[in-house]
Amino acid sequence: MKKFLFLLCIIILPAQAFEDCVIITDGKLSDISIEKNDIVDVYPLFTIMNEKNTLFVHPLKTGMTRLCVLKNGKDKVMFNIEVTEDKTNISDAKGFEIYAIDQPPESEVYNFELDLPPEVKQ
């Protein structure tokens, strides 16, 4: 339940920089290795049914790296990851779904001015 609430908080909070992603498949993922772990962090997410089929990709800085996972204990899958200031690009792989969690703010959405706070009379 705590992990579900944590994931819900991550989805709801606005992004300040970079873009987190979720990688989902129908098989068990293991042996996660990252070529340059100073560019991204990858965390396995365990579901209620303990399926171990979801990875959370959190960018740390801009750059390019590769992620390698073992699917169902026999299929090695490689992802190329490119992190920019406002987007994280993860290469597609057969049998995997990749979802972006954060969306960069649109300039039209935040195109407004706030009123000044009221003056306090003493």
N, C-alpha and C. Protein backbone atom coordinates (compact mmCIF):
# COMPACT_ATOMS: atom_id res chain seq x y z
N MET A 1 0.82 -1.19 0.00
CA MET A 1 0.00 0.00 0.00
C MET A 1 0.86 1.26 0.00
N LYS A 2 1.99 1.22 0.75
CA LYS A 2 2.88 2.37 0.80
C LYS A 2 3.48 2.65 -0.57
N LYS A 3 3.84 1.60 -1.30
CA LYS A 3 4.43 1.77 -2.63
C LYS A 3 3.41 2.36 -3.59
N PHE A 4 2.15 1.94 -3.47
CA PHE A 4 1.09 2.50 -4.31
C PHE A 4 0.93 3.98 -4.03
N LEU A 5 0.92 4.38 -2.77
CA LEU A 5 0.80 5.79 -2.42
C LEU A 5 2.01 6.58 -2.90
N PHE A 6 3.19 5.99 -2.80
CA PHE A 6 4.41 6.65 -3.30
C PHE A 6 4.31 6.89 -4.80
N LEU A 7 3.88 5.86 -5.55
CA LEU A 7 3.73 6.00 -7.00
C LEU A 7 2.67 7.03 -7.34
N LEU A 8 1.59 7.06 -6.60
CA LEU A 8 0.52 8.03 -6.82
C LEU A 8 1.04 9.44 -6.58
N CYS A 9 1.83 9.65 -5.55
CA CYS A 9 2.41 10.97 -5.28
C CYS A 9 3.34 11.40 -6.39
N ILE A 10 4.10 10.48 -6.92
CA ILE A 10 5.02 10.80 -8.01
C ILE A 10 4.26 11.22 -9.26
N ILE A 11 3.16 10.54 -9.52
CA ILE A 11 2.36 10.86 -10.71
C ILE A 11 1.70 12.22 -10.57
N ILE A 12 1.25 12.58 -9.39
CA ILE A 12 0.51 13.82 -9.18
C ILE A 12 1.43 15.03 -9.14
N LEU A 13 2.62 14.91 -8.57
CA LEU A 13 3.51 16.05 -8.43
C LEU A 13 3.99 16.55 -9.78
N PRO A 14 4.06 17.87 -9.97
CA PRO A 14 4.57 18.40 -11.23
C PRO A 14 6.08 18.21 -11.34
N ALA A 15 6.55 18.11 -12.54
CA ALA A 15 7.98 17.91 -12.77
C ALA A 15 8.70 19.25 -12.81
N GLN A 16 9.87 19.30 -12.23
CA GLN A 16 10.68 20.50 -12.28
C GLN A 16 11.72 20.38 -13.40
N ALA A 17 12.25 19.22 -13.63
CA ALA A 17 13.21 18.98 -14.71
C ALA A 17 13.23 17.48 -14.97
N PHE A 18 13.67 17.13 -16.15
CA PHE A 18 13.75 15.74 -16.60
C PHE A 18 12.36 15.10 -16.67
N GLU A 19 12.32 13.83 -17.02
CA GLU A 19 11.04 13.14 -17.19
C GLU A 19 11.22 11.69 -16.74
N ASP A 20 10.50 11.28 -15.72
CA ASP A 20 10.55 9.91 -15.24
C ASP A 20 9.74 9.01 -16.17
N CYS A 21 10.12 7.74 -16.25
CA CYS A 21 9.43 6.79 -17.11
C CYS A 21 9.20 5.48 -16.37
N VAL A 22 8.22 4.74 -16.86
CA VAL A 22 7.92 3.40 -16.35
C VAL A 22 8.00 2.43 -17.52
N ILE A 23 8.71 1.32 -17.31
CA ILE A 23 8.82 0.26 -18.32
C ILE A 23 8.08 -0.95 -17.78
N ILE A 24 7.12 -1.46 -18.56
CA ILE A 24 6.27 -2.57 -18.12
C ILE A 24 6.31 -3.68 -19.17
N THR A 25 6.33 -4.92 -18.71
CA THR A 25 6.26 -6.08 -19.60
C THR A 25 5.42 -7.17 -18.94
N ASP A 26 5.22 -8.26 -19.64
CA ASP A 26 4.41 -9.34 -19.08
C ASP A 26 5.25 -10.43 -18.41
N GLY A 27 6.56 -10.30 -18.42
CA GLY A 27 7.42 -11.31 -17.81
C GLY A 27 8.19 -10.76 -16.63
N LYS A 28 8.82 -11.64 -15.89
CA LYS A 28 9.61 -11.26 -14.71
C LYS A 28 10.93 -10.66 -15.16
N LEU A 29 11.27 -9.49 -14.59
CA LEU A 29 12.52 -8.80 -14.93
C LEU A 29 13.54 -8.99 -13.81
N SER A 30 14.77 -9.27 -14.19
CA SER A 30 15.84 -9.45 -13.20
C SER A 30 17.16 -8.99 -13.82
N ASP A 31 18.23 -9.05 -13.04
CA ASP A 31 19.57 -8.69 -13.48
C ASP A 31 19.61 -7.35 -14.21
N ILE A 32 19.20 -6.31 -13.52
CA ILE A 32 19.19 -4.97 -14.08
C ILE A 32 20.61 -4.40 -14.04
N SER A 33 21.11 -3.95 -15.19
CA SER A 33 22.42 -3.31 -15.21
C SER A 33 22.36 -2.04 -16.06
N ILE A 34 23.04 -1.00 -15.57
CA ILE A 34 23.05 0.30 -16.23
C ILE A 34 24.49 0.60 -16.62
N GLU A 35 24.68 1.04 -17.86
CA GLU A 35 26.02 1.35 -18.33
C GLU A 35 26.62 2.54 -17.58
N LYS A 36 25.88 3.64 -17.48
CA LYS A 36 26.34 4.84 -16.76
C LYS A 36 25.30 5.18 -15.70
N ASN A 37 25.51 4.71 -14.48
CA ASN A 37 24.51 4.89 -13.44
C ASN A 37 24.50 6.30 -12.85
N ASP A 38 25.34 7.21 -13.34
CA ASP A 38 25.25 8.59 -12.90
C ASP A 38 24.25 9.39 -13.75
N ILE A 39 23.74 8.78 -14.83
CA ILE A 39 22.76 9.45 -15.70
C ILE A 39 21.34 9.07 -15.30
N VAL A 40 21.08 7.80 -15.01
CA VAL A 40 19.74 7.36 -14.60
C VAL A 40 19.84 6.39 -13.42
N ASP A 41 18.77 6.37 -12.63
CA ASP A 41 18.57 5.34 -11.62
C ASP A 41 17.39 4.49 -12.09
N VAL A 42 17.49 3.20 -11.91
CA VAL A 42 16.41 2.30 -12.30
C VAL A 42 16.02 1.48 -11.08
N TYR A 43 14.72 1.53 -10.75
CA TYR A 43 14.21 0.82 -9.58
C TYR A 43 13.15 -0.18 -10.03
N PRO A 44 13.23 -1.43 -9.58
CA PRO A 44 12.11 -2.35 -9.84
C PRO A 44 10.94 -2.01 -8.93
N LEU A 45 9.74 -2.05 -9.47
CA LEU A 45 8.53 -1.85 -8.68
C LEU A 45 7.84 -3.19 -8.52
N PHE A 46 7.50 -3.53 -7.30
CA PHE A 46 6.84 -4.79 -7.03
C PHE A 46 5.35 -4.54 -6.87
N THR A 47 4.55 -5.26 -7.63
CA THR A 47 3.10 -5.10 -7.57
C THR A 47 2.53 -5.92 -6.41
N ILE A 48 1.25 -5.78 -6.20
CA ILE A 48 0.57 -6.52 -5.13
C ILE A 48 0.70 -8.02 -5.36
N MET A 49 0.66 -8.44 -6.61
CA MET A 49 0.76 -9.86 -6.93
C MET A 49 2.23 -10.31 -7.02
N ASN A 50 3.19 -9.42 -6.69
CA ASN A 50 4.62 -9.71 -6.70
C ASN A 50 5.08 -10.20 -8.08
N GLU A 51 4.61 -9.52 -9.13
CA GLU A 51 4.94 -9.93 -10.49
C GLU A 51 6.33 -9.53 -10.95
N LYS A 52 6.93 -8.50 -10.38
CA LYS A 52 8.28 -8.04 -10.72
C LYS A 52 8.44 -7.78 -12.21
N ASN A 53 7.45 -7.09 -12.80
CA ASN A 53 7.47 -6.82 -14.23
C ASN A 53 7.49 -5.34 -14.57
N THR A 54 7.82 -4.48 -13.60
CA THR A 54 7.78 -3.04 -13.81
C THR A 54 9.10 -2.41 -13.34
N LEU A 55 9.63 -1.51 -14.17
CA LEU A 55 10.84 -0.76 -13.82
C LEU A 55 10.52 0.73 -13.83
N PHE A 56 11.05 1.44 -12.86
CA PHE A 56 10.91 2.88 -12.76
C PHE A 56 12.25 3.51 -13.13
N VAL A 57 12.27 4.37 -14.15
CA VAL A 57 13.50 5.01 -14.62
C VAL A 57 13.47 6.48 -14.19
N HIS A 58 14.46 6.86 -13.36
CA HIS A 58 14.55 8.22 -12.84
C HIS A 58 15.85 8.86 -13.34
N PRO A 59 15.76 9.89 -14.22
CA PRO A 59 16.97 10.55 -14.72
C PRO A 59 17.64 11.41 -13.65
N LEU A 60 18.96 11.42 -13.66
CA LEU A 60 19.74 12.21 -12.71
C LEU A 60 20.41 13.42 -13.38
N LYS A 61 20.86 13.23 -14.64
CA LYS A 61 21.46 14.32 -15.39
C LYS A 61 21.35 14.01 -16.87
N THR A 62 21.65 14.99 -17.71
CA THR A 62 21.54 14.78 -19.15
C THR A 62 22.67 13.88 -19.64
N GLY A 63 22.38 13.16 -20.72
CA GLY A 63 23.38 12.27 -21.30
C GLY A 63 22.74 11.05 -21.93
N MET A 64 23.58 10.13 -22.39
CA MET A 64 23.12 8.88 -23.01
C MET A 64 23.70 7.70 -22.25
N THR A 65 22.88 6.66 -22.12
CA THR A 65 23.32 5.44 -21.45
C THR A 65 22.54 4.27 -22.00
N ARG A 66 22.85 3.08 -21.52
CA ARG A 66 22.11 1.87 -21.90
C ARG A 66 21.70 1.12 -20.65
N LEU A 67 20.56 0.45 -20.76
CA LEU A 67 19.99 -0.35 -19.68
C LEU A 67 19.80 -1.77 -20.21
N CYS A 68 20.25 -2.75 -19.44
CA CYS A 68 20.12 -4.14 -19.84
C CYS A 68 19.36 -4.89 -18.74
N VAL A 69 18.34 -5.65 -19.13
CA VAL A 69 17.56 -6.45 -18.17
C VAL A 69 17.41 -7.87 -18.72
N LEU A 70 17.18 -8.79 -17.82
CA LEU A 70 16.94 -10.17 -18.18
C LEU A 70 15.45 -10.45 -17.99
N LYS A 71 14.77 -10.83 -19.06
CA LYS A 71 13.33 -11.09 -19.01
C LYS A 71 13.09 -12.59 -18.93
N ASN A 72 12.33 -13.00 -17.92
CA ASN A 72 11.97 -14.41 -17.69
C ASN A 72 13.19 -15.31 -17.53
N GLY A 73 14.31 -14.75 -17.07
CA GLY A 73 15.50 -15.54 -16.80
C GLY A 73 16.25 -16.02 -18.01
N LYS A 74 15.83 -15.62 -19.25
CA LYS A 74 16.53 -16.14 -20.42
C LYS A 74 16.72 -15.12 -21.54
N ASP A 75 15.84 -14.13 -21.68
CA ASP A 75 15.93 -13.15 -22.77
C ASP A 75 16.59 -11.87 -22.28
N LYS A 76 17.73 -11.52 -22.86
CA LYS A 76 18.42 -10.29 -22.50
C LYS A 76 17.89 -9.17 -23.41
N VAL A 77 17.45 -8.07 -22.78
CA VAL A 77 16.88 -6.95 -23.52
C VAL A 77 17.69 -5.70 -23.21
N MET A 78 18.04 -4.95 -24.27
CA MET A 78 18.85 -3.74 -24.13
C MET A 78 18.01 -2.53 -24.53
N PHE A 79 18.05 -1.48 -23.70
CA PHE A 79 17.37 -0.21 -23.98
C PHE A 79 18.43 0.88 -24.09
N ASN A 80 18.33 1.71 -25.12
CA ASN A 80 19.15 2.91 -25.23
C ASN A 80 18.36 4.06 -24.61
N ILE A 81 18.98 4.82 -23.72
CA ILE A 81 18.30 5.90 -23.02
C ILE A 81 19.03 7.21 -23.29
N GLU A 82 18.27 8.22 -23.72
CA GLU A 82 18.82 9.56 -23.90
C GLU A 82 18.02 10.51 -23.00
N VAL A 83 18.72 11.21 -22.12
CA VAL A 83 18.09 12.14 -21.19
C VAL A 83 18.44 13.56 -21.60
N THR A 84 17.40 14.37 -21.84
CA THR A 84 17.58 15.79 -22.09
C THR A 84 16.91 16.54 -20.94
N GLU A 85 16.98 17.85 -20.96
CA GLU A 85 16.41 18.65 -19.86
C GLU A 85 14.91 18.45 -19.69
N ASP A 86 14.19 18.20 -20.80
CA ASP A 86 12.74 18.10 -20.68
C ASP A 86 12.15 16.79 -21.18
N LYS A 87 12.98 15.84 -21.58
CA LYS A 87 12.45 14.57 -22.09
C LYS A 87 13.44 13.44 -21.85
N THR A 88 12.90 12.26 -21.60
CA THR A 88 13.69 11.04 -21.50
C THR A 88 13.25 10.11 -22.62
N ASN A 89 14.15 9.80 -23.54
CA ASN A 89 13.84 8.91 -24.66
C ASN A 89 14.40 7.53 -24.37
N ILE A 90 13.53 6.54 -24.38
CA ILE A 90 13.93 5.15 -24.18
C ILE A 90 13.55 4.38 -25.43
N SER A 91 14.51 3.65 -26.01
CA SER A 91 14.24 2.90 -27.23
C SER A 91 13.19 1.82 -26.98
N ASP A 92 12.40 1.55 -28.01
CA ASP A 92 11.36 0.53 -27.91
C ASP A 92 11.98 -0.87 -27.96
N ALA A 93 11.30 -1.80 -27.34
CA ALA A 93 11.69 -3.21 -27.39
C ALA A 93 10.42 -4.05 -27.48
N LYS A 94 10.49 -5.13 -28.20
CA LYS A 94 9.33 -5.99 -28.41
C LYS A 94 8.85 -6.57 -27.07
N GLY A 95 7.56 -6.43 -26.80
CA GLY A 95 6.99 -6.97 -25.58
C GLY A 95 7.04 -6.03 -24.38
N PHE A 96 7.52 -4.79 -24.58
CA PHE A 96 7.64 -3.82 -23.50
C PHE A 96 6.79 -2.59 -23.82
N GLU A 97 6.22 -2.01 -22.78
CA GLU A 97 5.49 -0.75 -22.91
C GLU A 97 6.23 0.29 -22.07
N ILE A 98 6.42 1.47 -22.64
CA ILE A 98 7.15 2.54 -21.97
C ILE A 98 6.23 3.74 -21.83
N TYR A 99 6.07 4.22 -20.60
CA TYR A 99 5.19 5.35 -20.32
C TYR A 99 5.98 6.46 -19.64
N ALA A 100 5.76 7.68 -20.09
CA ALA A 100 6.34 8.85 -19.43
C ALA A 100 5.41 9.28 -18.31
N ILE A 101 5.97 9.57 -17.15
CA ILE A 101 5.15 9.99 -16.01
C ILE A 101 5.02 11.50 -15.97
N ASP A 102 6.13 12.21 -16.13
CA ASP A 102 6.12 13.67 -16.07
C ASP A 102 5.95 14.24 -17.47
N GLN A 103 5.18 15.31 -17.56
CA GLN A 103 5.06 16.04 -18.81
C GLN A 103 5.65 17.42 -18.61
N PRO A 104 6.53 17.86 -19.50
CA PRO A 104 7.06 19.21 -19.34
C PRO A 104 5.94 20.23 -19.41
N PRO A 105 6.03 21.31 -18.64
CA PRO A 105 4.96 22.31 -18.66
C PRO A 105 4.87 23.01 -20.01
N GLU A 106 3.65 23.22 -20.45
CA GLU A 106 3.40 23.96 -21.68
C GLU A 106 3.39 25.45 -21.37
N SER A 107 3.92 26.25 -22.27
CA SER A 107 4.01 27.69 -22.00
C SER A 107 2.62 28.32 -21.94
N GLU A 108 1.64 27.79 -22.69
CA GLU A 108 0.30 28.35 -22.67
C GLU A 108 -0.42 28.08 -21.34
N VAL A 109 -0.13 26.95 -20.75
CA VAL A 109 -0.80 26.57 -19.50
C VAL A 109 -0.40 27.51 -18.37
N TYR A 110 0.85 27.90 -18.32
CA TYR A 110 1.35 28.72 -17.23
C TYR A 110 1.51 30.19 -17.63
N ASN A 111 0.75 30.62 -18.61
CA ASN A 111 0.85 31.99 -19.10
C ASN A 111 -0.16 32.87 -18.36
N PHE A 112 0.12 33.20 -17.10
CA PHE A 112 -0.75 34.07 -16.31
C PHE A 112 0.08 34.80 -15.28
N GLU A 113 -0.51 35.85 -14.71
CA GLU A 113 0.18 36.62 -13.68
C GLU A 113 -0.57 36.48 -12.37
N LEU A 114 0.18 36.35 -11.29
CA LEU A 114 -0.42 36.27 -9.96
C LEU A 114 -0.58 37.67 -9.40
N ASP A 115 -1.64 37.88 -8.64
CA ASP A 115 -1.82 39.15 -7.96
C ASP A 115 -0.79 39.28 -6.85
N LEU A 116 -0.42 40.52 -6.57
CA LEU A 116 0.49 40.76 -5.46
C LEU A 116 -0.24 40.49 -4.15
N PRO A 117 0.47 40.04 -3.12
CA PRO A 117 -0.20 39.81 -1.83
C PRO A 117 -0.67 41.15 -1.25
N PRO A 118 -1.72 41.12 -0.44
CA PRO A 118 -2.21 42.37 0.14
C PRO A 118 -1.19 42.97 1.10
N GLU A 119 -1.22 44.28 1.18
CA GLU A 119 -0.30 44.96 2.11
C GLU A 119 -0.86 44.86 3.51
N VAL A 120 0.03 44.65 4.45
CA VAL A 120 -0.36 44.53 5.86
C VAL A 120 -0.21 45.90 6.49
N LYS A 121 -1.33 46.42 7.07
CA LYS A 121 -1.28 47.72 7.75
C LYS A 121 -0.92 47.50 9.21
N GLN A 122 0.01 48.32 9.70
CA GLN A 122 0.41 48.15 11.10
C GLN A 122 -0.01 49.35 11.91
